[in-house]
Each structure stands twice: as structure tokens, then as C-alpha cells.
Amino acid sequence: MTTEAPTVPDSRYEAVSSRDARFDGVFFFAVSTTGIYCRPSCPAITPKRRNVSFYRTAAAAQAAGFRACRRCRPDAVPGSAEWNVRADVVGRAMRLIGDGIVDREGVSGLAARLGYSARQVQRQLNAELGAGPVALARAQRGHTARVLLQTTTLQAAEIAFAAGFASVRQFNDTIREIYAATPTELRALRPGRTPPVDSGSGIPLRLAHRGPYAADLMFDHLAAHAVAGTEEVTGARGTRTYRRTLRLPGGAAVAEVGERAGTGGWLDCRLHLADLRDLTSAIQRMRRLLDLDADPCAVAERLAADPALAPLVAARPGLRVPGAADPHESAIRILTGRRAAGELVAAYGQRLDAPSGGLTHLFPRAEDLTGSDRPTLRALAGALATGELVLDPGADREDTEHRLLRLPGIDAPTAAAVRLHALGDPDVLLAGDPALPPRADTGRWRPWRSYAMQHLWTAAGRPAS
């Protein structure tokens, strides 16, 4: 199970009193006497219980009239692992909102992807989270705007539209409501002493994670599976940089992430975007690729209860499951393998206007591969291109796996691997995999069977499924 927010308010207050960082992003608390809301680990003096209220999301706290704490920056916490686990409409909606669907397609577009009416989606999110899709997207836009204000030299008007606001006035009003400061004042509150950079040199970010993070093992995986032309890993182990191209709604982009030794609580990232409106999408795609919203404490607690897995969990704290920056790309790569994927990039990939180091292409679109002479690849590409098969953060995982299995040449292990990596399902078991211990009670590993498989593969010297 995930590190769920305690259901009893007094239990949540205990988490706040102990400044328990495991619950950052799982719930938020607001203080009536100050009018601010914080993450549970906020270092400020613990407020009196009678002045505290709790919220499932930052958007709900904002809707209740509270502004974000300037000390703990609750808008910058990792996302809740609950949304990765849940397969219901709320979990799927949260993953899609995080990817920027509401900004690009509106609430109607979100509802269409979920297969519900806009009214049903609004009702379910409000009932469970205390905020609807517009409020959730607005909170995300506010965070994006703060990042741009405090890390770039962009003018406020440029930031407003890059963050997804419809007007400068809406941008100004939102910043004042969320942060109790004007954009100019918020920029002056920039943390640290490093001056903001020109957007032409990329946008520097810190991608937060909770608990330990086995960056060395993640970068081992990325290096072992890097596809020439679209990915590269440079530097010595411990100080490596992973770079890749991204195909985003507004154009091509290049993302760079540094490997960090120690437990800083984040990975350093720099994004080079053709269109700044793609910032939110780029961040979320890199977070999914690097599995940054996982809950390693909950995973370790469940898996360590199995004697067969306990020593593996103890040996590799913070092990994550590599995800996907682009689900279509991930599915095609799982089907073809690394070498063939590189051949597809050279033959069908779109060349960058300006190559960057070893990065020269975007990975081919599914539409580019529908004429492949490989029957299974042609079937997969055709299903993706026509929409018969949907691979996005809000996809119904069970239905997607069934659709994959109906395609010619797609077997159960391949479909399961797509579900695990492309869709980020934390509870996938590859039955019959040689790494599985004999007579393993795999039911005890739920809902973290994907992490159990990753531990077994890593222990066996296999960097991926």
C-alpha cells in the first residue's frame, strides 16, 4: 500500500508535529491564524491543533483561501504515489492533469479521455479531493509560473502564457492568491544566491523525490538502454548526466538530468524547450521516466516482509522502476529492442534543427512506422496511430493490456512490460520470469509487484525486463 494520509485528523497532526517528510505531497495542512498551508515536514514551529485543517491537495487548500508557505514551498513537493497506484477515474484524472491535459484540451478533453461526462469528473474530483479539474490545473500553473519567475529572466507576460494562463491579469491574480505576493515580489524571493539564467541556456529545475533514491541504478539502466540519436549518458559513474530528446505538444525539446550522490532530495535538471508552454509536460514526463513520485518507504515496508526479498530491499534502498518519457516510444522500444530502435530512429526519426551533442533526432511517431515491413511493429504502430490503442498517463491499464494482446505477435510478457514501463503500473508481475523465486507468494507483494520484479532483475544482473 502507499503511504496514505492518516484518516484520523489527530494522526495527521502527529505527522505534522514530527515533520514527517514521508507525507509530503500525500496531504497538506493549513493554519487558520496565519492563512498559509504547508507540507507536513515544514520546519516552522508546529501550530496548535485547534488552528490546523487538512487537505488532500494543494489546490483544495488554495480553494479554501490559504496561500502557500514561503518557507517549505508546498507546491514543490513530489506527487502522491497514490495516483500511480489507483486505476479508478480519480487516479487516472490526476495523472492526466499532471501531464497538462486540462491546459491543452480543457475539462471536456479530460472527460473524453476518461470516458465520463465533464460533470461526472468534476463531481468525483470535488467529492474526493476538495477541488475540481480547473482548480487542480490552476494550482499546477501557479507552480510553473513560480519556477519560471525564480529561475529565468523572462518577462512576466511571457511567463504568464508559458505557464498556461489565458491572460496576464489571470496570471497576476493567481500569483497573488496563491503566494500573497505580486510576480515582481515573488521573483525577489528567489531562493539561494544563484542569479536567474537566460531561457536560451535552458531552464534549471530541481526534480524532488521522497525518501532514498538509487540514482546509480537508475542511471545504469538509462545507460544500458540509451537509443543512439535520442539519448546519451555522459560522465563517470556517480556524476553522470542523462540527456534525451522529447517530442512535446509545442515542439522538440532536450532534457538533461544529473546523477547525484547522497540524499539531497532532488535531481538537478535542465530543460531546453522550443515552446515554454511545454514546461509542465516536460517536467511530468521526466518525473515519470525517473519514477520520482514513488513511495520507497511503503514499497520497502511491504516487500521486506517477504524473507526472499528482504535482503534485496535492504541492499538497494530507493530502487525505482524506470518509466517512460513517451509511452508510444516506450512500447515500440520494448517490442523491437535497443538496436532495432536505433535503426528506426536513423531511418524514420525527425532530425533536430540544431543537434545537441549526441542528440540528433526525435524518436519516430507511430504514424511514421505504419508502413514497416515488420508485421508486429506495423500492427502496433497502426493501433497507436488510429487511436485503437491509447497509451497515455490516464489509460485504463487493464483494457490496454487486453487490446495489446489482441494485436498479432504481442505476447503476454510484452504486454505486461508495456503496462509496467510505458504506463507506469506499480503492480505488474511477469509470470514465468526466470528471476522469480520458486513458489514465491507474489500476492504478498501487492500493490508493489513491479518493484519486486525490479529488485529481482537487478539482483540477477539484469538492468530491465
Protein backbone atom coordinates (compact mmCIF):
# COMPACT_ATOMS: atom_id res chain seq x y z
CA MET A 1 0.00 0.00 0.00
CA THR A 2 1.06 3.61 -0.41
CA THR A 3 1.99 5.92 2.42
CA GLU A 4 -1.61 7.02 2.75
CA ALA A 5 -2.59 10.12 4.60
CA PRO A 6 -3.79 9.10 8.07
CA THR A 7 -7.57 9.13 8.09
CA VAL A 8 -7.86 10.46 11.64
CA PRO A 9 -7.01 14.17 11.86
CA ASP A 10 -5.05 13.67 15.09
CA SER A 11 -2.85 11.11 13.28
CA ARG A 12 -2.16 13.66 10.56
CA TYR A 13 -1.32 16.19 13.23
CA GLU A 14 1.21 13.74 14.69
CA ALA A 15 2.85 13.54 11.25
CA VAL A 16 3.00 17.35 11.18
CA SER A 17 4.37 17.53 14.73
CA SER A 18 7.15 15.08 13.85
CA ARG A 19 7.80 16.83 10.50
CA ASP A 20 7.48 13.51 8.72
CA ALA A 21 8.66 14.04 5.14
CA ARG A 22 7.13 10.72 4.05
CA PHE A 23 3.77 12.50 3.89
CA ASP A 24 4.92 15.46 1.79
CA GLY A 25 2.56 15.55 -1.18
CA VAL A 26 0.26 12.97 0.41
CA PHE A 27 -1.64 15.67 2.32
CA PHE A 28 -1.25 19.34 3.24
CA PHE A 29 -2.11 21.25 6.39
CA ALA A 30 -3.32 24.83 6.71
CA VAL A 31 -3.16 27.20 9.67
CA SER A 32 -6.15 29.45 10.27
CA THR A 33 -4.23 32.05 12.28
CA THR A 34 -1.65 32.66 9.55
CA GLY A 35 -3.68 31.89 6.44
CA ILE A 36 -0.96 29.67 4.97
CA TYR A 37 -0.75 26.00 4.02
CA CYS A 38 2.35 23.81 4.30
CA ARG A 39 3.78 20.39 3.64
CA PRO A 40 3.91 18.08 6.71
CA SER A 41 7.68 18.45 7.03
CA CYS A 42 7.61 22.27 7.21
CA PRO A 43 10.37 23.34 9.64
CA ALA A 44 8.29 26.17 11.13
CA ILE A 45 7.04 25.96 14.70
CA THR A 46 4.19 23.46 14.90
CA PRO A 47 0.88 25.31 15.18
CA LYS A 48 -1.73 24.47 17.80
CA ARG A 49 -4.04 21.66 16.82
CA ARG A 50 -7.19 23.77 17.01
CA ASN A 51 -5.82 26.07 14.30
CA VAL A 52 -4.97 23.32 11.82
CA SER A 53 -7.05 21.84 8.99
CA PHE A 54 -6.03 19.20 6.43
CA TYR A 55 -6.36 18.91 2.66
CA ARG A 56 -5.67 16.15 0.14
CA THR A 57 -4.26 18.55 -2.48
CA ALA A 58 -2.63 21.95 -2.67
CA ALA A 59 -5.48 23.05 -4.91
CA ALA A 60 -8.01 22.30 -2.18
CA ALA A 61 -6.05 24.37 0.33
CA GLN A 62 -5.86 27.22 -2.15
CA ALA A 63 -9.58 26.99 -2.88
CA ALA A 64 -10.18 27.34 0.86
CA GLY A 65 -8.35 30.66 0.80
CA PHE A 66 -4.89 29.67 2.07
CA ARG A 67 -1.64 30.78 0.47
CA ALA A 68 1.49 28.69 0.00
CA CYS A 69 4.15 28.80 2.72
CA ARG A 70 7.26 30.62 1.52
CA ARG A 71 9.48 28.56 3.78
CA CYS A 72 8.59 24.97 2.86
CA ARG A 73 7.21 25.66 -0.66
CA PRO A 74 4.44 23.05 -0.52
CA ASP A 75 3.75 23.42 -4.24
CA ALA A 76 7.17 21.87 -5.00
CA VAL A 77 6.66 18.52 -3.21
CA PRO A 78 6.76 15.19 -5.07
CA GLY A 79 3.41 13.97 -6.31
CA SER A 80 1.49 11.44 -4.27
CA ALA A 81 2.29 7.83 -5.20
CA GLU A 82 -1.41 7.11 -4.68
CA TRP A 83 -2.20 8.45 -8.15
CA ASN A 84 0.21 5.97 -9.73
CA VAL A 85 -1.36 3.06 -7.88
CA ARG A 86 -5.00 3.88 -8.41
CA ALA A 87 -6.72 2.70 -11.59
CA ASP A 88 -10.03 4.46 -10.95
CA VAL A 89 -11.21 7.66 -12.58
CA VAL A 90 -9.69 9.91 -9.89
CA GLY A 91 -6.25 8.35 -10.20
CA ARG A 92 -6.37 8.47 -14.00
CA ALA A 93 -7.59 12.07 -13.93
CA MET A 94 -4.77 13.16 -11.64
CA ARG A 95 -2.17 11.63 -13.94
CA LEU A 96 -3.68 13.37 -16.97
CA ILE A 97 -3.99 16.74 -15.21
CA GLY A 98 -0.34 16.43 -14.24
CA ASP A 99 0.51 15.99 -17.92
CA GLY A 100 -1.24 19.27 -18.76
CA ILE A 101 -4.34 17.89 -20.48
CA VAL A 102 -6.68 20.49 -18.94
CA ASP A 103 -4.46 23.33 -20.15
CA ARG A 104 -4.32 21.90 -23.68
CA GLU A 105 -7.77 20.37 -24.12
CA GLY A 106 -9.92 21.75 -21.31
CA VAL A 107 -12.14 19.83 -18.90
CA SER A 108 -14.10 18.40 -21.83
CA GLY A 109 -10.89 16.93 -23.24
CA LEU A 110 -10.03 15.40 -19.87
CA ALA A 111 -13.50 13.90 -19.56
CA ALA A 112 -13.39 12.48 -23.09
CA ARG A 113 -10.11 10.71 -22.38
CA LEU A 114 -11.57 9.23 -19.20
CA GLY A 115 -14.83 8.16 -20.86
CA TYR A 116 -17.02 10.17 -18.47
CA SER A 117 -19.01 13.37 -18.76
CA ALA A 118 -17.38 16.60 -17.62
CA ARG A 119 -19.97 16.85 -14.84
CA GLN A 120 -19.14 13.36 -13.54
CA VAL A 121 -15.41 14.10 -13.49
CA GLN A 122 -15.99 17.40 -11.72
CA ARG A 123 -18.21 15.76 -9.12
CA GLN A 124 -15.84 12.89 -8.36
CA LEU A 125 -12.76 15.09 -8.02
CA ASN A 126 -14.56 17.62 -5.84
CA ALA A 127 -16.02 14.90 -3.63
CA GLU A 128 -12.71 13.17 -3.00
CA LEU A 129 -10.09 15.89 -3.32
CA GLY A 130 -11.96 19.07 -2.48
CA ALA A 131 -11.04 20.61 -5.83
CA GLY A 132 -12.16 20.16 -9.42
CA PRO A 133 -10.02 19.81 -12.54
CA VAL A 134 -9.85 23.56 -13.19
CA ALA A 135 -8.61 24.27 -9.65
CA LEU A 136 -6.09 21.43 -9.83
CA ALA A 137 -4.76 22.69 -13.16
CA ARG A 138 -4.68 26.26 -11.81
CA ALA A 139 -2.52 25.17 -8.87
CA GLN A 140 -0.16 23.48 -11.30
CA ARG A 141 0.01 26.62 -13.48
CA GLY A 142 0.85 28.66 -10.39
CA HIS A 143 3.75 26.35 -9.57
CA THR A 144 5.03 26.50 -13.15
CA ALA A 145 4.87 30.30 -13.07
CA ARG A 146 6.81 30.44 -9.79
CA VAL A 147 9.53 28.23 -11.25
CA LEU A 148 9.87 30.48 -14.29
CA LEU A 149 9.83 33.65 -12.20
CA GLN A 150 12.58 32.41 -9.92
CA THR A 151 14.82 30.63 -12.44
CA THR A 152 14.67 32.71 -15.65
CA THR A 153 14.87 36.31 -16.82
CA LEU A 154 11.65 36.03 -18.83
CA GLN A 155 9.24 38.96 -18.66
CA ALA A 156 6.08 38.44 -16.64
CA ALA A 157 3.87 38.47 -19.75
CA GLU A 158 5.98 35.71 -21.34
CA ILE A 159 5.77 33.65 -18.16
CA ALA A 160 2.01 34.07 -17.95
CA PHE A 161 1.42 32.45 -21.32
CA ALA A 162 4.22 29.89 -20.90
CA ALA A 163 2.59 28.69 -17.67
CA GLY A 164 -0.77 28.27 -19.40
CA PHE A 165 -2.67 31.34 -18.21
CA ALA A 166 -5.19 32.87 -20.59
CA SER A 167 -4.21 36.44 -19.74
CA VAL A 168 -1.68 38.47 -17.78
CA ARG A 169 -4.45 39.60 -15.45
CA GLN A 170 -5.37 36.00 -14.64
CA PHE A 171 -1.69 35.28 -14.02
CA ASN A 172 -1.29 38.25 -11.67
CA ASP A 173 -4.46 37.40 -9.74
CA THR A 174 -3.47 33.75 -9.32
CA ILE A 175 0.04 34.56 -8.12
CA ARG A 176 -1.34 37.00 -5.55
CA GLU A 177 -3.91 34.49 -4.32
CA ILE A 178 -1.54 31.53 -4.06
CA TYR A 179 1.60 33.27 -2.81
CA ALA A 180 0.31 36.54 -1.33
CA ALA A 181 2.82 38.40 -3.48
CA THR A 182 2.98 40.06 -6.87
CA PRO A 183 5.06 38.39 -9.60
CA THR A 184 7.78 41.00 -9.01
CA GLU A 185 7.82 40.32 -5.27
CA LEU A 186 7.83 36.57 -5.84
CA ARG A 187 10.80 36.87 -8.18
CA ALA A 188 12.66 38.83 -5.48
CA LEU A 189 12.07 35.93 -3.07
CA ARG A 190 14.13 33.62 -5.29
CA PRO A 191 15.82 31.03 -3.02
CA GLY A 192 19.61 30.85 -2.97
CA ARG A 193 22.11 33.26 -4.39
CA THR A 194 22.46 31.95 -7.94
CA PRO A 195 21.11 34.55 -10.36
CA PRO A 196 18.35 33.53 -12.78
CA VAL A 197 19.52 32.33 -16.19
CA ASP A 198 18.56 33.40 -19.65
CA SER A 199 15.97 30.99 -21.01
CA GLY A 200 18.19 30.38 -24.05
CA SER A 201 20.54 28.30 -21.87
CA GLY A 202 17.71 26.16 -20.59
CA ILE A 203 15.53 26.22 -17.52
CA PRO A 204 17.23 24.78 -14.39
CA LEU A 205 14.99 22.78 -12.09
CA ARG A 206 15.12 20.52 -9.08
CA LEU A 207 13.03 17.39 -9.52
CA ALA A 208 12.01 16.46 -5.98
CA HIS A 209 11.62 12.90 -4.72
CA ARG A 210 10.71 11.45 -1.34
CA GLY A 211 12.88 9.07 0.63
CA PRO A 212 16.07 7.46 -0.69
CA TYR A 213 16.69 7.38 -4.44
CA ALA A 214 19.02 4.82 -6.04
CA ALA A 215 20.26 7.18 -8.74
CA ASP A 216 23.24 4.97 -9.60
CA LEU A 217 20.98 2.06 -10.52
CA MET A 218 18.57 4.26 -12.45
CA PHE A 219 21.44 5.75 -14.46
CA ASP A 220 22.86 2.26 -15.04
CA HIS A 221 19.54 1.36 -16.62
CA LEU A 222 19.40 4.53 -18.70
CA ALA A 223 22.95 3.99 -19.95
CA ALA A 224 22.31 0.34 -20.82
CA HIS A 225 19.19 1.17 -22.82
CA ALA A 226 20.06 4.53 -24.39
CA VAL A 227 18.99 4.66 -28.04
CA ALA A 228 21.55 6.40 -30.25
CA GLY A 229 20.43 9.75 -31.58
CA THR A 230 17.71 10.30 -28.99
CA GLU A 231 19.53 9.57 -25.70
CA GLU A 232 23.01 9.67 -24.26
CA VAL A 233 24.66 9.24 -20.86
CA THR A 234 27.97 11.03 -20.31
CA GLY A 235 30.43 11.27 -17.43
CA ALA A 236 31.79 8.89 -14.82
CA ARG A 237 29.55 6.79 -12.59
CA GLY A 238 28.33 8.94 -9.73
CA THR A 239 28.49 12.17 -11.71
CA ARG A 240 26.79 11.13 -14.95
CA THR A 241 24.40 13.25 -17.00
CA TYR A 242 21.49 11.72 -18.86
CA ARG A 243 20.29 13.67 -21.89
CA ARG A 244 17.40 12.94 -24.22
CA THR A 245 15.14 14.50 -26.80
CA LEU A 246 11.44 14.96 -26.15
CA ARG A 247 8.57 15.37 -28.59
CA LEU A 248 6.22 17.80 -26.84
CA PRO A 249 2.95 19.47 -27.94
CA GLY A 250 4.76 22.72 -28.79
CA GLY A 251 7.83 21.23 -30.47
CA ALA A 252 11.11 19.46 -29.81
CA ALA A 253 12.95 19.70 -26.51
CA VAL A 254 16.11 18.43 -24.85
CA ALA A 255 16.16 17.37 -21.19
CA GLU A 256 19.27 16.90 -19.05
CA VAL A 257 19.31 15.24 -15.63
CA GLY A 258 22.32 14.88 -13.36
CA GLU A 259 23.14 11.88 -11.20
CA ARG A 260 23.51 12.97 -7.58
CA ALA A 261 25.47 11.24 -4.86
CA GLY A 262 23.94 11.36 -1.37
CA THR A 263 20.40 12.20 -0.33
CA GLY A 264 19.70 15.75 -1.41
CA GLY A 265 16.03 15.03 -2.02
CA TRP A 266 16.09 16.05 -5.67
CA LEU A 267 17.77 15.54 -9.04
CA ASP A 268 19.13 18.54 -10.92
CA CYS A 269 17.50 19.00 -14.32
CA ARG A 270 17.75 21.46 -17.19
CA LEU A 271 15.15 21.75 -19.93
CA HIS A 272 15.70 23.29 -23.35
CA LEU A 273 12.25 23.94 -24.81
CA ALA A 274 11.14 25.18 -28.21
CA ASP A 275 7.92 26.40 -26.59
CA LEU A 276 7.89 27.39 -22.91
CA ARG A 277 4.26 26.31 -22.67
CA ASP A 278 5.61 22.75 -22.70
CA LEU A 279 7.35 23.17 -19.34
CA THR A 280 4.71 21.34 -17.30
CA SER A 281 4.53 18.44 -19.75
CA ALA A 282 8.32 18.14 -19.91
CA ILE A 283 8.63 18.06 -16.12
CA GLN A 284 5.95 15.42 -15.71
CA ARG A 285 7.41 13.23 -18.44
CA MET A 286 10.84 13.27 -16.85
CA ARG A 287 9.30 12.56 -13.45
CA ARG A 288 7.53 9.51 -14.88
CA LEU A 289 10.67 8.30 -16.64
CA LEU A 290 12.68 8.55 -13.41
CA ASP A 291 9.85 7.30 -11.16
CA LEU A 292 10.20 10.32 -8.88
CA ASP A 293 6.71 10.16 -7.35
CA ALA A 294 7.24 6.69 -5.91
CA ASP A 295 6.93 5.98 -2.19
CA PRO A 296 10.09 3.97 -1.35
CA CYS A 297 9.18 3.68 2.33
CA ALA A 298 5.85 2.00 1.59
CA VAL A 299 7.46 -0.24 -1.04
CA ALA A 300 10.24 -1.32 1.32
CA GLU A 301 7.82 -1.98 4.17
CA ARG A 302 5.68 -4.31 2.07
CA LEU A 303 8.42 -6.16 0.18
CA ALA A 304 10.75 -6.58 3.15
CA ALA A 305 8.03 -8.64 4.85
CA ASP A 306 8.88 -11.45 2.40
CA PRO A 307 12.08 -13.26 3.51
CA ALA A 308 13.03 -13.84 -0.14
CA LEU A 309 13.01 -10.11 -0.89
CA ALA A 310 14.11 -8.63 2.44
CA PRO A 311 17.88 -8.82 1.75
CA LEU A 312 17.42 -7.35 -1.73
CA VAL A 313 15.39 -4.43 -0.38
CA ALA A 314 17.95 -3.77 2.36
CA ALA A 315 20.80 -3.83 -0.17
CA ARG A 316 19.21 -1.34 -2.57
CA PRO A 317 17.22 1.33 -0.72
CA GLY A 318 15.31 3.65 -3.01
CA LEU A 319 15.35 1.36 -6.05
CA ARG A 320 12.90 2.70 -8.64
CA VAL A 321 11.21 1.25 -11.71
CA PRO A 322 12.22 3.05 -14.92
CA GLY A 323 9.18 4.54 -16.61
CA ALA A 324 8.66 6.32 -19.91
CA ALA A 325 9.06 9.87 -21.14
CA ASP A 326 6.86 8.92 -24.10
CA PRO A 327 4.56 5.86 -23.76
CA HIS A 328 4.41 5.32 -27.54
CA GLU A 329 8.18 5.34 -27.79
CA SER A 330 8.46 3.01 -24.81
CA ALA A 331 6.06 0.45 -26.29
CA ILE A 332 7.87 0.43 -29.62
CA ARG A 333 11.25 0.05 -27.92
CA ILE A 334 10.00 -2.82 -25.76
CA LEU A 335 8.80 -4.57 -28.90
CA THR A 336 11.88 -4.00 -31.06
CA GLY A 337 14.79 -3.85 -28.63
CA ARG A 338 17.51 -1.21 -28.35
CA ARG A 339 19.47 -1.89 -31.54
CA ALA A 340 16.43 -2.04 -33.80
CA ALA A 341 15.04 1.07 -32.12
CA GLY A 342 18.25 2.89 -33.07
CA GLU A 343 17.77 1.79 -36.67
CA LEU A 344 14.22 3.16 -36.61
CA VAL A 345 15.49 6.49 -35.29
CA ALA A 346 18.07 6.75 -38.09
CA ALA A 347 15.53 5.80 -40.77
CA TYR A 348 12.33 7.49 -39.59
CA GLY A 349 13.19 9.91 -36.77
CA GLN A 350 12.80 13.64 -37.24
CA ARG A 351 16.16 15.43 -37.25
CA LEU A 352 16.65 18.25 -34.75
CA ASP A 353 17.10 21.68 -36.26
CA ALA A 354 20.25 22.00 -34.15
CA PRO A 355 21.88 18.74 -32.95
CA SER A 356 23.00 18.80 -29.32
CA GLY A 357 25.97 16.60 -28.55
CA GLY A 358 24.98 13.06 -29.46
CA LEU A 359 21.31 14.02 -29.72
CA THR A 360 20.31 14.35 -33.34
CA HIS A 361 16.73 13.07 -33.70
CA LEU A 362 13.32 12.76 -32.15
CA PHE A 363 12.04 9.21 -31.83
CA PRO A 364 9.72 8.31 -34.74
CA ARG A 365 5.99 8.83 -34.32
CA ALA A 366 3.71 5.82 -34.56
CA GLU A 367 2.36 7.28 -37.81
CA ASP A 368 5.86 7.10 -39.28
CA LEU A 369 6.06 3.35 -38.73
CA THR A 370 2.72 2.14 -40.07
CA GLY A 371 4.40 1.04 -43.28
CA SER A 372 7.05 -1.07 -41.55
CA ASP A 373 7.92 -4.41 -43.09
CA ARG A 374 7.77 -5.97 -39.60
CA PRO A 375 4.19 -7.22 -39.13
CA THR A 376 4.03 -6.84 -35.35
CA LEU A 377 5.56 -3.37 -35.38
CA ARG A 378 3.21 -2.37 -38.19
CA ALA A 379 0.22 -3.61 -36.18
CA LEU A 380 1.31 -1.79 -33.02
CA ALA A 381 2.08 1.45 -34.86
CA GLY A 382 -1.24 1.28 -36.70
CA ALA A 383 -3.21 0.77 -33.47
CA LEU A 384 -1.43 3.72 -31.84
CA ALA A 385 -1.82 5.96 -34.89
CA THR A 386 -5.57 5.33 -35.23
CA GLY A 387 -6.33 5.57 -31.51
CA GLU A 388 -7.43 1.94 -31.31
CA LEU A 389 -4.74 1.63 -28.64
CA VAL A 390 -4.27 4.54 -26.22
CA LEU A 391 -1.07 4.84 -24.24
CA ASP A 392 -1.10 7.93 -22.04
CA PRO A 393 -0.97 8.61 -18.28
CA GLY A 394 -4.75 8.23 -17.97
CA ALA A 395 -5.11 5.00 -19.95
CA ASP A 396 -7.13 2.16 -18.43
CA ARG A 397 -4.33 -0.32 -17.77
CA GLU A 398 -6.42 -3.48 -17.80
CA ASP A 399 -8.16 -2.54 -21.04
CA THR A 400 -4.87 -1.51 -22.64
CA GLU A 401 -3.25 -4.84 -21.83
CA HIS A 402 -6.21 -6.71 -23.36
CA ARG A 403 -6.00 -4.59 -26.52
CA LEU A 404 -2.27 -5.24 -26.79
CA LEU A 405 -2.81 -8.98 -26.57
CA ARG A 406 -5.25 -8.82 -29.48
CA LEU A 407 -2.52 -7.45 -31.76
CA PRO A 408 -0.71 -10.07 -33.85
CA GLY A 409 2.67 -11.02 -32.41
CA ILE A 410 2.19 -9.38 -28.99
CA ASP A 411 2.60 -11.99 -26.26
CA ALA A 412 1.79 -11.76 -22.54
CA PRO A 413 5.32 -10.78 -21.36
CA THR A 414 5.49 -7.97 -23.94
CA ALA A 415 2.05 -6.64 -22.97
CA ALA A 416 3.00 -6.79 -19.29
CA ALA A 417 6.28 -4.95 -19.95
CA VAL A 418 4.38 -2.18 -21.78
CA ARG A 419 2.00 -1.92 -18.85
CA LEU A 420 4.90 -1.77 -16.41
CA HIS A 421 7.17 0.74 -18.16
CA ALA A 422 5.04 2.67 -20.67
CA LEU A 423 2.03 3.07 -18.36
CA GLY A 424 3.95 3.16 -15.07
CA ASP A 425 1.84 0.49 -13.36
CA PRO A 426 3.49 -0.25 -9.98
CA ASP A 427 1.80 -3.66 -9.64
CA VAL A 428 2.84 -5.75 -12.65
CA LEU A 429 4.03 -9.33 -12.26
CA LEU A 430 5.76 -11.03 -15.18
CA ALA A 431 4.62 -14.59 -14.52
CA GLY A 432 7.13 -17.20 -15.58
CA ASP A 433 10.08 -14.80 -15.48
CA PRO A 434 13.23 -16.78 -14.57
CA ALA A 435 14.11 -14.25 -11.86
CA LEU A 436 11.04 -15.19 -9.80
CA PRO A 437 11.86 -17.33 -6.73
CA PRO A 438 10.33 -20.82 -6.78
CA ARG A 439 6.94 -20.98 -5.05
CA ALA A 440 7.05 -17.24 -4.30
CA ASP A 441 3.92 -15.89 -2.61
CA THR A 442 3.67 -12.98 -5.05
CA GLY A 443 0.28 -11.93 -3.71
CA ARG A 444 2.06 -10.58 -0.62
CA TRP A 445 3.91 -8.09 -2.83
CA ARG A 446 0.79 -6.18 -3.91
CA PRO A 447 0.49 -3.35 -4.85
CA TRP A 448 4.25 -3.15 -5.49
CA ARG A 449 4.95 -6.20 -7.63
CA SER A 450 6.68 -4.07 -10.29
CA TYR A 451 9.22 -3.05 -7.66
CA ALA A 452 9.64 -6.65 -6.57
CA MET A 453 10.44 -7.59 -10.17
CA GLN A 454 12.91 -4.71 -10.42
CA HIS A 455 14.70 -5.91 -7.26
CA LEU A 456 14.90 -9.44 -8.64
CA TRP A 457 16.16 -8.32 -12.05
CA THR A 458 18.76 -6.02 -10.51
CA ALA A 459 20.00 -8.74 -8.15
CA ALA A 460 20.30 -11.09 -11.13
CA GLY A 461 22.36 -8.53 -13.07
CA ARG A 462 19.56 -7.70 -15.48
CA PRO A 463 19.02 -3.90 -15.73
CA ALA A 464 15.50 -4.22 -17.13
CA SER A 465 12.67 -6.54 -18.07
